[in-house]
Amino acid sequence: MGGPDPPRARLYLAFGQAATRILRAAAERLGPLAKGSRLMSMQEIYDWIDAHADECIADLQTLVRQPSVSAQDIGLRDCAELLQDMMHRDGLPADLYETDGGPPIVFGEVRVEGPAQTLLCYSHYDVQPPEPLEAWSHGGPWSAAIVDGVLYGRGATDNKSGVLAFNKAAKAFLQVRGKIPCNLKLFIEGEEEIGSVHLSDWAQRNAVLLEADGMHCLDGSLEVGTEAPDVSLGLKSILSVELVARGAKSDVHSLNFPLVPSPVWDLVWALNTILDRDRRILIDGWEEGIWQLGPDDEQQLRDKAARVDTAAMREEWGIDSFALGRDGIDAIRARTYEPTANIQGIVAGYTGRGTKTIVPNEARVRMDFRLIPNMQPDAALAKLKAHLVAHGFGHIEVNAHEGREPPYKISVREDISQAIIAAATEVYGELPVVNGVSAEGAILRHVWIPCVLTGFANPDANLHAPDENIVIEKYIKGIKYAAAIMHHFSLVGDGAEGRARP
């Protein structure tokens, strides 16, 4: 599968020192605004959000209490209908669009009079499976309990608070001014957590509906050790695969181990050929054409390493040191630009009480490969299959996830990049932490829109883990962040007043 070609995808190379200069320019631009009418005009929006915080919190509790697990097909349509009703009550348009075999998409469009920038606000209402249930505190994954200013529940951060941040920000503009500052397209899907399986076909059929000048997603947390948002100007692609090894037609008594295939050992031996102990991927040609860092990219990494508290990151994860002893800029570089081969889980044989002397007849392993720009998922999949054949494991099945999409990278000079940097600086009082690569590839494959991923949750939000949570203060501030992004995006673009220029 080929993604947008570099000119159309605008895979700009301007990062590092150039990005730093542009970020500083954005900050300087905001300096006089702090005393000017535009910041004051936003204060009434922020005041409305504060005055209606109880409503925003109650709606988030309602949304979190509705299970919506895409991996288990639980509650998805109910959640979409609930969200549609909530949007209608907030005075926002919302229609359900059916997908071929998947849950509905919730979509609403609000337009302003005259020419204006169009912002596509992407979010998702599905959540990760809540297991293990016994590891949850405060009433379980669907309680939405608030304890000491923290709301607990699956989806509290990923991504139901992001969904409502867009909606409540739009409502604030409508309530205070009677209009929003730019055209909005509110897009909420129900399969992000399983790779947006049915979104690509839908996006291809509805490309015109999705056209916009910029796109962003509020999903994730502030950078560890800072009070500033992460701003990701790109996305690593994920190639998710399941490897299946099979042996006899059923489990066999282990007395016969010398005579029968061992699927479990087959997988162990096969996996050992994919990654070495230094975490280098051993597949031939895996990094062919990979994005090469230049001096400017290295400078950007140094800027980020100077601000990110890696000790706090280790403390959050409960580890004494990073893998391979990395730290500082080396850790930041690896996290940002290094391709990965991760094992999500292995299933085989008997693991219950006692022992069971068998040779299992099947073994499965699930992996995800993170691909940085210039690495195409389909090409990577072909290389993986060829690698297994070359090493004598051609009998192992390779089942790839259908939702794989190409990675992308945009310039810090894009209007949406500048608007989000300006909004983050205004709301949080400091420059955001900008990543070269880290939002939805299934959309970008068919409708190229400069896209930025950012977030506002507390770093210890436990994404994808038990006791997922959102600090209430962060959530309310996130709504203001969403409103500020809409505001600043209305100011950028050709001929727009106050455009930030490098």
Protein backbone atom coordinates (compact mmCIF):
# COMPACT_ATOMS: atom_id res chain seq x y z
CA MET A 1 0.00 0.00 0.00
CA GLY A 2 1.47 3.34 -0.99
CA GLY A 3 0.81 6.53 0.96
CA PRO A 4 0.68 10.06 -0.36
CA ASP A 5 3.76 10.91 -2.41
CA PRO A 6 6.20 13.26 -0.62
CA PRO A 7 5.23 16.47 -2.49
CA ARG A 8 1.54 15.95 -1.91
CA ALA A 9 2.08 14.76 1.63
CA ARG A 10 4.35 17.75 2.31
CA LEU A 11 6.97 15.74 4.13
CA TYR A 12 8.98 18.82 4.98
CA LEU A 13 12.45 18.59 6.38
CA ALA A 14 12.37 21.87 8.36
CA PHE A 15 12.82 20.87 12.00
CA GLY A 16 15.55 21.31 14.63
CA GLN A 17 17.12 24.74 14.70
CA ALA A 18 14.62 26.05 12.17
CA ALA A 19 11.78 24.67 14.27
CA THR A 20 13.23 26.27 17.38
CA ARG A 21 13.38 29.66 15.68
CA ILE A 22 9.77 29.28 14.55
CA LEU A 23 8.66 28.24 18.03
CA ARG A 24 10.37 31.29 19.50
CA ALA A 25 8.70 33.45 16.88
CA ALA A 26 5.35 32.00 17.92
CA ALA A 27 6.09 32.87 21.52
CA GLU A 28 7.13 36.42 20.58
CA ARG A 29 3.93 36.74 18.60
CA LEU A 30 1.96 35.86 21.71
CA GLY A 31 3.81 38.37 23.89
CA PRO A 32 1.96 41.50 22.79
CA LEU A 33 -1.27 39.55 22.54
CA ALA A 34 -1.18 38.90 26.27
CA LYS A 35 -2.14 42.54 26.70
CA GLY A 36 -4.17 42.85 23.54
CA SER A 37 -7.76 42.39 22.56
CA ARG A 38 -7.45 38.90 21.13
CA LEU A 39 -6.36 37.31 24.42
CA MET A 40 -8.98 39.34 26.28
CA SER A 41 -11.59 38.18 23.80
CA MET A 42 -10.72 34.58 24.69
CA GLN A 43 -11.04 35.25 28.40
CA GLU A 44 -14.82 35.27 28.16
CA ILE A 45 -14.64 31.85 26.53
CA TYR A 46 -12.41 30.55 29.31
CA ASP A 47 -14.73 32.08 31.92
CA TRP A 48 -17.71 30.25 30.39
CA ILE A 49 -15.81 26.96 30.53
CA ASP A 50 -14.97 27.52 34.20
CA ALA A 51 -18.55 28.47 35.00
CA HIS A 52 -19.83 25.28 33.34
CA ALA A 53 -17.16 22.94 34.68
CA ASP A 54 -19.73 20.86 36.58
CA GLU A 55 -21.63 20.22 33.34
CA CYS A 56 -18.41 19.24 31.52
CA ILE A 57 -17.46 16.84 34.32
CA ALA A 58 -20.90 15.27 34.57
CA ASP A 59 -20.98 14.66 30.81
CA LEU A 60 -17.57 13.01 30.94
CA GLN A 61 -18.77 10.73 33.72
CA THR A 62 -21.82 9.79 31.62
CA LEU A 63 -19.66 9.01 28.59
CA VAL A 64 -17.12 6.98 30.58
CA ARG A 65 -19.89 4.93 32.20
CA GLN A 66 -20.95 3.72 28.77
CA PRO A 67 -18.69 0.77 27.83
CA SER A 68 -17.41 0.95 24.24
CA VAL A 69 -14.72 -1.69 23.71
CA SER A 70 -13.96 -2.13 20.01
CA ALA A 71 -11.72 -5.19 20.50
CA GLN A 72 -14.64 -7.01 22.13
CA ASP A 73 -17.48 -5.35 20.18
CA ILE A 74 -19.09 -4.13 23.38
CA GLY A 75 -21.38 -1.10 23.55
CA LEU A 76 -20.15 0.69 20.42
CA ARG A 77 -23.48 1.63 18.85
CA ASP A 78 -24.91 2.56 22.24
CA CYS A 79 -21.96 4.87 22.82
CA ALA A 80 -22.28 6.46 19.37
CA GLU A 81 -25.98 7.15 19.96
CA LEU A 82 -25.26 8.54 23.42
CA LEU A 83 -22.61 10.83 21.98
CA GLN A 84 -24.95 11.99 19.22
CA ASP A 85 -27.59 12.86 21.81
CA MET A 86 -25.05 14.72 23.96
CA MET A 87 -23.91 16.76 20.95
CA HIS A 88 -27.49 17.66 20.08
CA ARG A 89 -28.06 18.84 23.65
CA ASP A 90 -24.95 21.00 23.33
CA GLY A 91 -26.39 22.61 20.22
CA LEU A 92 -24.03 20.81 17.85
CA PRO A 93 -25.02 18.93 14.69
CA ALA A 94 -24.30 15.20 14.79
CA ASP A 95 -25.21 12.43 12.38
CA LEU A 96 -24.40 8.73 12.47
CA TYR A 97 -22.66 7.41 9.36
CA GLU A 98 -22.63 3.67 8.91
CA THR A 99 -19.47 1.78 7.97
CA ASP A 100 -19.35 -1.55 6.15
CA GLY A 101 -19.19 -3.97 9.04
CA GLY A 102 -17.96 -1.61 11.72
CA PRO A 103 -19.51 0.73 14.29
CA PRO A 104 -20.99 4.06 13.20
CA ILE A 105 -19.02 7.26 12.82
CA VAL A 106 -20.38 10.34 14.57
CA PHE A 107 -19.94 13.42 12.38
CA GLY A 108 -21.06 17.03 12.74
CA GLU A 109 -20.17 20.16 10.78
CA VAL A 110 -20.47 23.74 11.98
CA ARG A 111 -19.77 26.49 9.44
CA VAL A 112 -19.25 30.22 9.74
CA GLU A 113 -20.33 32.90 7.31
CA GLY A 114 -17.83 33.94 4.65
CA PRO A 115 -14.40 32.49 3.87
CA ALA A 116 -12.72 30.76 6.79
CA GLN A 117 -10.28 28.01 7.65
CA THR A 118 -11.79 24.54 8.12
CA LEU A 119 -10.55 22.47 11.05
CA LEU A 120 -11.18 18.73 11.26
CA CYS A 121 -11.31 17.64 14.91
CA TYR A 122 -10.58 13.90 15.05
CA SER A 123 -11.35 11.77 18.10
CA HIS A 124 -12.61 8.29 18.95
CA TYR A 125 -15.23 6.94 21.32
CA ASP A 126 -13.95 3.37 21.53
CA VAL A 127 -11.66 2.29 24.35
CA GLN A 128 -9.20 -0.45 25.22
CA PRO A 129 -10.37 -3.67 26.92
CA PRO A 130 -10.50 -3.09 30.70
CA GLU A 131 -8.91 -6.39 31.77
CA PRO A 132 -7.60 -7.33 34.27
CA LEU A 133 -10.74 -6.21 36.07
CA GLU A 134 -9.41 -7.11 39.52
CA ALA A 135 -6.64 -4.51 39.14
CA TRP A 136 -9.09 -1.60 39.03
CA SER A 137 -9.75 0.57 42.06
CA HIS A 138 -12.57 3.03 42.77
CA GLY A 139 -15.46 0.90 41.57
CA GLY A 140 -14.06 -0.60 38.38
CA PRO A 141 -13.51 0.52 34.78
CA TRP A 142 -16.99 2.01 34.20
CA SER A 143 -17.51 3.79 37.51
CA ALA A 144 -16.23 7.25 36.48
CA ALA A 145 -15.65 7.79 40.19
CA ILE A 146 -14.01 11.06 41.21
CA VAL A 147 -11.48 10.68 44.03
CA ASP A 148 -9.35 13.60 45.21
CA GLY A 149 -9.95 15.55 42.02
CA VAL A 150 -9.21 12.60 39.69
CA LEU A 151 -11.83 10.87 37.50
CA TYR A 152 -11.20 7.13 37.07
CA GLY A 153 -12.51 4.94 34.27
CA ARG A 154 -11.65 3.36 30.93
CA GLY A 155 -11.57 6.11 28.33
CA ALA A 156 -11.21 8.93 30.85
CA THR A 157 -8.16 10.13 28.93
CA ASP A 158 -8.10 7.88 25.87
CA ASN A 159 -10.14 9.43 24.32
CA LYS A 160 -13.47 10.47 25.81
CA SER A 161 -12.12 13.59 27.50
CA GLY A 162 -10.66 14.56 24.11
CA VAL A 163 -14.04 14.03 22.43
CA LEU A 164 -15.76 16.32 24.90
CA ALA A 165 -12.98 18.91 24.85
CA PHE A 166 -13.79 19.58 21.19
CA ASN A 167 -17.55 19.61 21.81
CA LYS A 168 -17.50 21.79 24.90
CA ALA A 169 -15.08 24.26 23.32
CA ALA A 170 -17.43 24.63 20.34
CA LYS A 171 -20.39 25.03 22.68
CA ALA A 172 -18.55 27.76 24.61
CA PHE A 173 -18.12 29.81 21.43
CA LEU A 174 -21.75 29.33 20.45
CA GLN A 175 -23.01 30.27 23.91
CA VAL A 176 -20.78 33.32 24.35
CA ARG A 177 -20.49 34.69 20.82
CA GLY A 178 -23.23 32.95 18.93
CA LYS A 179 -20.66 31.63 16.45
CA ILE A 180 -17.40 29.74 16.26
CA PRO A 181 -14.17 31.28 14.90
CA CYS A 182 -13.60 28.78 12.06
CA ASN A 183 -15.41 26.03 10.23
CA LEU A 184 -15.43 22.85 12.31
CA LYS A 185 -15.82 19.24 11.30
CA LEU A 186 -16.26 17.08 14.39
CA PHE A 187 -15.30 13.48 13.55
CA ILE A 188 -15.57 10.70 16.13
CA GLU A 189 -14.91 7.08 15.13
CA GLY A 190 -15.35 3.82 17.02
CA GLU A 191 -12.42 1.60 16.01
CA GLU A 192 -9.23 3.55 16.69
CA GLU A 193 -8.07 1.13 19.35
CA ILE A 194 -8.09 -1.78 16.87
CA GLY A 195 -6.54 0.12 13.98
CA SER A 196 -9.59 1.80 12.41
CA VAL A 197 -10.33 -1.36 10.45
CA HIS A 198 -13.32 -0.03 8.49
CA LEU A 199 -12.36 3.65 8.33
CA SER A 200 -10.15 3.62 5.24
CA ASP A 201 -12.91 2.44 2.89
CA TRP A 202 -15.36 4.90 4.42
CA ALA A 203 -12.88 7.76 4.11
CA GLN A 204 -12.30 6.94 0.45
CA ARG A 205 -16.05 7.09 -0.25
CA ASN A 206 -16.52 10.29 1.78
CA ALA A 207 -13.36 12.19 0.87
CA VAL A 208 -15.21 15.44 0.12
CA LEU A 209 -16.93 15.35 3.49
CA LEU A 210 -13.54 15.15 5.21
CA GLU A 211 -11.71 17.91 3.31
CA ALA A 212 -10.19 20.50 5.64
CA ASP A 213 -7.28 22.94 5.97
CA GLY A 214 -5.96 21.28 9.11
CA MET A 215 -6.66 18.34 11.37
CA HIS A 216 -5.80 17.63 14.96
CA CYS A 217 -6.43 15.05 17.63
CA LEU A 218 -6.54 15.63 21.39
CA ASP A 219 -5.35 12.27 22.65
CA GLY A 220 -2.64 11.70 25.22
CA SER A 221 -0.86 13.49 28.00
CA LEU A 222 1.44 16.33 28.83
CA GLU A 223 5.14 15.52 28.55
CA VAL A 224 6.53 13.83 31.67
CA GLY A 225 8.22 16.34 33.97
CA THR A 226 6.62 19.38 32.33
CA GLU A 227 3.33 21.24 32.41
CA ALA A 228 3.39 21.69 28.64
CA PRO A 229 1.62 19.61 26.00
CA ASP A 230 3.32 17.24 23.61
CA VAL A 231 2.81 18.39 20.02
CA SER A 232 3.53 15.63 17.51
CA LEU A 233 3.93 16.76 13.91
CA GLY A 234 3.94 13.23 12.58
CA LEU A 235 2.96 9.68 13.26
CA LYS A 236 4.81 6.41 13.38
CA SER A 237 2.89 3.74 11.55
CA ILE A 238 2.06 0.47 13.30
CA LEU A 239 2.35 -2.86 11.54
CA SER A 240 0.48 -5.31 13.78
CA VAL A 241 0.89 -9.01 13.03
CA GLU A 242 0.08 -12.37 14.56
CA LEU A 243 2.46 -15.26 13.95
CA VAL A 244 0.91 -18.72 14.25
CA ALA A 245 2.89 -21.95 14.47
CA ARG A 246 1.06 -25.28 14.26
CA GLY A 247 2.10 -28.88 14.90
CA ALA A 248 0.09 -32.04 15.39
CA LYS A 249 -3.68 -32.08 14.90
CA SER A 250 -4.13 -31.89 18.70
CA ASP A 251 -2.02 -31.69 21.84
CA VAL A 252 0.29 -34.70 22.19
CA HIS A 253 1.66 -36.39 25.33
CA SER A 254 5.07 -34.87 26.03
CA LEU A 255 6.63 -38.36 26.03
CA ASN A 256 6.44 -38.00 22.25
CA PHE A 257 8.30 -34.67 22.14
CA PRO A 258 11.24 -36.17 20.18
CA LEU A 259 8.89 -37.18 17.35
CA VAL A 260 6.48 -34.26 16.87
CA PRO A 261 6.81 -30.60 15.92
CA SER A 262 6.93 -28.10 18.77
CA PRO A 263 5.06 -24.92 17.74
CA VAL A 264 6.14 -23.10 20.90
CA TRP A 265 9.84 -23.67 20.26
CA ASP A 266 9.30 -22.80 16.59
CA LEU A 267 8.00 -19.38 17.62
CA VAL A 268 10.82 -18.88 20.14
CA TRP A 269 13.43 -19.71 17.51
CA ALA A 270 11.71 -17.56 14.87
CA LEU A 271 11.43 -14.57 17.20
CA ASN A 272 15.10 -14.89 18.04
CA THR A 273 15.96 -14.21 14.39
CA ILE A 274 13.96 -10.95 14.31
CA LEU A 275 15.57 -8.91 17.12
CA ASP A 276 18.95 -9.15 18.81
CA ARG A 277 19.80 -8.32 22.43
CA ASP A 278 20.79 -4.79 21.42
CA ARG A 279 17.27 -4.40 19.98
CA ARG A 280 18.47 -4.19 16.39
CA ILE A 281 15.92 -5.50 13.92
CA LEU A 282 17.63 -8.25 11.92
CA ILE A 283 15.26 -8.43 8.96
CA ASP A 284 17.12 -7.81 5.69
CA GLY A 285 16.50 -4.34 4.26
CA TRP A 286 14.23 -3.35 7.14
CA GLU A 287 15.61 0.19 7.41
CA GLU A 288 16.05 0.73 3.68
CA GLY A 289 15.24 4.36 2.82
CA ILE A 290 14.58 5.21 6.45
CA TRP A 291 14.35 8.85 7.53
CA GLN A 292 17.88 10.16 8.12
CA LEU A 293 18.43 12.71 10.87
CA GLY A 294 20.40 15.82 9.96
CA PRO A 295 21.96 18.56 12.13
CA ASP A 296 18.63 20.37 12.49
CA ASP A 297 16.88 17.22 13.67
CA GLU A 298 19.60 16.63 16.23
CA GLN A 299 19.23 20.19 17.50
CA GLN A 300 15.51 19.65 17.98
CA LEU A 301 16.24 16.51 19.97
CA ARG A 302 18.71 18.45 22.15
CA ASP A 303 16.07 21.09 22.79
CA LYS A 304 13.58 18.43 23.86
CA ALA A 305 16.09 16.50 25.99
CA ALA A 306 16.84 19.70 27.90
CA ARG A 307 13.18 19.99 28.91
CA VAL A 308 11.98 16.42 29.44
CA ASP A 309 12.52 14.93 32.90
CA THR A 310 13.68 11.42 32.07
CA ALA A 311 14.04 10.55 35.77
CA ALA A 312 10.33 11.31 36.22
CA MET A 313 9.60 9.12 33.22
CA ARG A 314 11.47 6.19 34.79
CA GLU A 315 9.71 6.76 38.10
CA GLU A 316 6.31 6.74 36.38
CA TRP A 317 7.11 3.37 34.76
CA GLY A 318 8.64 1.94 37.93
CA ILE A 319 12.05 1.13 36.40
CA ASP A 320 15.57 1.99 37.55
CA SER A 321 17.03 2.57 34.09
CA PHE A 322 16.01 2.66 30.45
CA ALA A 323 16.73 -0.31 28.18
CA LEU A 324 20.37 -0.60 27.04
CA GLY A 325 21.33 2.05 29.61
CA ARG A 326 20.06 4.88 27.43
CA ASP A 327 19.43 8.30 28.92
CA GLY A 328 19.22 11.96 27.97
CA ILE A 329 19.26 12.75 24.29
CA ASP A 330 19.98 9.10 23.38
CA ALA A 331 16.75 8.04 25.07
CA ILE A 332 14.77 10.83 23.39
CA ARG A 333 16.26 9.97 19.98
CA ALA A 334 15.43 6.28 20.36
CA ARG A 335 11.88 6.94 21.50
CA THR A 336 11.25 9.37 18.64
CA TYR A 337 13.04 7.90 15.65
CA GLU A 338 13.89 4.24 16.30
CA PRO A 339 11.92 1.49 14.53
CA THR A 340 10.71 -1.14 16.97
CA ALA A 341 9.69 -4.81 17.08
CA ASN A 342 7.55 -5.32 20.16
CA ILE A 343 5.97 -8.55 21.41
CA GLN A 344 2.50 -7.81 22.77
CA GLY A 345 1.80 -11.32 24.02
CA ILE A 346 2.37 -15.03 23.52
CA VAL A 347 -0.32 -17.70 23.91
CA ALA A 348 0.39 -21.43 23.92
CA GLY A 349 -0.25 -24.61 25.83
CA TYR A 350 -1.40 -25.02 29.41
CA THR A 351 -0.75 -22.44 32.13
CA GLY A 352 -3.36 -23.42 34.73
CA ARG A 353 -2.88 -24.99 38.14
CA GLY A 354 -0.53 -27.90 38.40
CA THR A 355 1.14 -29.36 35.34
CA LYS A 356 -0.04 -30.86 32.08
CA THR A 357 2.56 -32.88 30.22
CA ILE A 358 1.73 -31.99 26.63
CA VAL A 359 3.34 -30.75 23.46
CA PRO A 360 0.89 -27.98 22.47
CA ASN A 361 -0.39 -28.21 18.92
CA GLU A 362 -0.46 -24.44 18.40
CA ALA A 363 1.34 -21.30 19.52
CA ARG A 364 0.59 -17.66 18.72
CA VAL A 365 2.46 -14.42 19.21
CA ARG A 366 1.21 -10.90 18.56
CA MET A 367 3.70 -8.22 17.57
CA ASP A 368 3.66 -4.58 16.62
CA PHE A 369 6.35 -2.94 14.53
CA ARG A 370 6.64 0.86 14.76
CA LEU A 371 7.65 2.31 11.40
CA ILE A 372 9.03 5.82 11.07
CA PRO A 373 8.58 7.99 7.95
CA ASN A 374 9.70 6.48 4.64
CA MET A 375 8.97 2.95 5.89
CA GLN A 376 5.83 1.61 4.21
CA PRO A 377 3.78 -1.03 6.09
CA ASP A 378 3.13 -3.29 3.08
CA ALA A 379 6.81 -3.33 2.14
CA ALA A 380 7.73 -4.10 5.76
CA LEU A 381 5.23 -6.96 5.85
CA ALA A 382 6.71 -8.47 2.70
CA LYS A 383 10.20 -8.26 4.21
CA LEU A 384 9.01 -9.99 7.41
CA LYS A 385 7.49 -12.86 5.45
CA ALA A 386 10.61 -13.24 3.29
CA HIS A 387 12.77 -13.21 6.42
CA LEU A 388 10.84 -16.07 8.01
CA VAL A 389 11.06 -18.13 4.82
CA ALA A 390 14.81 -17.49 4.51
CA HIS A 391 15.38 -18.68 8.09
CA GLY A 392 13.39 -21.87 7.72
CA PHE A 393 10.12 -20.66 9.20
CA GLY A 394 8.02 -20.44 6.05
CA HIS A 395 5.46 -22.73 7.69
CA ILE A 396 4.60 -20.05 10.27
CA GLU A 397 1.48 -18.12 9.32
CA VAL A 398 1.74 -14.31 9.25
CA ASN A 399 -1.62 -12.63 9.75
CA ALA A 400 -1.41 -8.86 9.39
CA HIS A 401 -3.89 -6.37 10.78
CA GLU A 402 -5.94 -4.78 8.01
CA GLY A 403 -5.81 -1.25 9.43
CA ARG A 404 -2.14 -0.54 8.73
CA GLU A 405 -1.46 2.91 7.29
CA PRO A 406 1.71 4.73 6.20
CA PRO A 407 3.57 7.03 8.61
CA TYR A 408 3.68 10.75 7.95
CA LYS A 409 5.51 13.91 8.95
CA ILE A 410 4.61 17.58 8.47
CA SER A 411 6.39 20.87 8.89
CA VAL A 412 6.32 23.09 11.93
CA ARG A 413 5.50 25.85 9.41
CA GLU A 414 2.05 24.45 8.64
CA ASP A 415 -0.90 26.60 9.74
CA ILE A 416 -2.19 23.88 12.05
CA SER A 417 1.26 23.48 13.62
CA GLN A 418 1.56 27.19 14.26
CA ALA A 419 -1.98 27.46 15.64
CA ILE A 420 -1.47 24.63 18.13
CA ILE A 421 1.93 25.92 19.24
CA ALA A 422 0.40 29.36 19.80
CA ALA A 423 -2.62 27.90 21.64
CA ALA A 424 -0.46 25.73 23.89
CA THR A 425 1.80 28.64 24.75
CA GLU A 426 -1.20 30.84 25.57
CA VAL A 427 -3.05 28.32 27.73
CA TYR A 428 -0.10 26.64 29.46
CA GLY A 429 2.25 29.60 29.69
CA GLU A 430 5.23 27.96 27.99
CA LEU A 431 6.25 26.52 24.67
CA PRO A 432 4.99 22.98 24.06
CA VAL A 433 7.36 20.04 23.61
CA VAL A 434 7.44 19.45 19.87
CA ASN A 435 8.11 15.97 18.45
CA GLY A 436 9.31 15.40 14.91
CA VAL A 437 7.31 12.17 14.69
CA SER A 438 5.07 10.40 17.11
CA ALA A 439 -3.68 11.39 13.69
CA GLU A 440 -5.32 9.14 11.83
CA GLY A 441 -3.54 7.61 8.87
CA ALA A 442 -6.67 6.01 7.44
CA ILE A 443 -8.03 9.47 6.72
CA LEU A 444 -4.75 10.96 5.52
CA ARG A 445 -4.29 8.19 3.00
CA HIS A 446 -7.34 9.40 1.05
CA VAL A 447 -7.58 13.09 2.02
CA TRP A 448 -4.25 14.74 2.72
CA ILE A 449 -4.68 17.18 5.61
CA PRO A 450 -1.76 18.56 7.66
CA CYS A 451 -2.35 16.78 10.97
CA VAL A 452 -1.08 17.32 14.52
CA LEU A 453 -1.49 15.04 17.54
CA THR A 454 -1.48 16.66 20.97
CA GLY A 455 -2.99 16.07 24.39
CA PHE A 456 -3.67 17.53 27.82
CA ALA A 457 -3.93 14.69 30.37
CA ASN A 458 -1.68 14.11 33.35
CA PRO A 459 1.35 11.93 32.50
CA ASP A 460 0.27 9.27 35.02
CA ALA A 461 -3.11 8.77 33.32
CA ASN A 462 -2.48 5.00 32.95
CA LEU A 463 -3.43 4.84 29.28
CA HIS A 464 -4.33 1.27 28.22
CA ALA A 465 -3.88 0.10 31.83
CA PRO A 466 -6.05 -0.41 34.91
CA ASP A 467 -7.08 2.75 36.79
CA GLU A 468 -6.98 4.93 33.68
CA ASN A 469 -7.77 8.45 34.86
CA ILE A 470 -7.88 12.15 34.13
CA VAL A 471 -7.15 14.92 36.62
CA ILE A 472 -10.24 17.13 36.55
CA GLU A 473 -8.17 20.31 36.46
CA LYS A 474 -6.29 19.02 33.40
CA TYR A 475 -9.57 18.16 31.68
CA ILE A 476 -11.05 21.62 32.15
CA LYS A 477 -7.79 23.20 30.98
CA GLY A 478 -7.87 20.84 27.98
CA ILE A 479 -11.23 22.27 26.95
CA LYS A 480 -9.67 25.73 27.02
CA TYR A 481 -6.78 24.37 24.95
CA ALA A 482 -9.23 23.06 22.34
CA ALA A 483 -10.95 26.47 22.24
CA ALA A 484 -7.61 28.26 21.88
CA ILE A 485 -6.64 25.99 18.98
CA MET A 486 -9.87 26.85 17.19
CA HIS A 487 -9.25 30.54 17.84
CA HIS A 488 -5.64 30.58 16.66
CA PHE A 489 -6.39 28.43 13.64
CA SER A 490 -8.87 31.10 12.53
CA LEU A 491 -6.01 33.62 12.55
CA VAL A 492 -3.52 31.76 10.36
CA GLY A 493 -3.56 31.18 6.63
CA ASP A 494 -3.13 33.42 3.62
CA GLY A 495 -4.58 36.83 4.30
CA ALA A 496 -5.64 36.01 7.83
CA GLU A 497 -4.96 38.64 10.44
CA GLY A 498 -2.08 37.87 12.76
CA ARG A 499 -0.59 34.98 10.82
CA ALA A 500 2.54 33.69 12.50
CA ARG A 501 5.37 33.90 10.00
CA PRO A 502 8.85 32.50 10.59
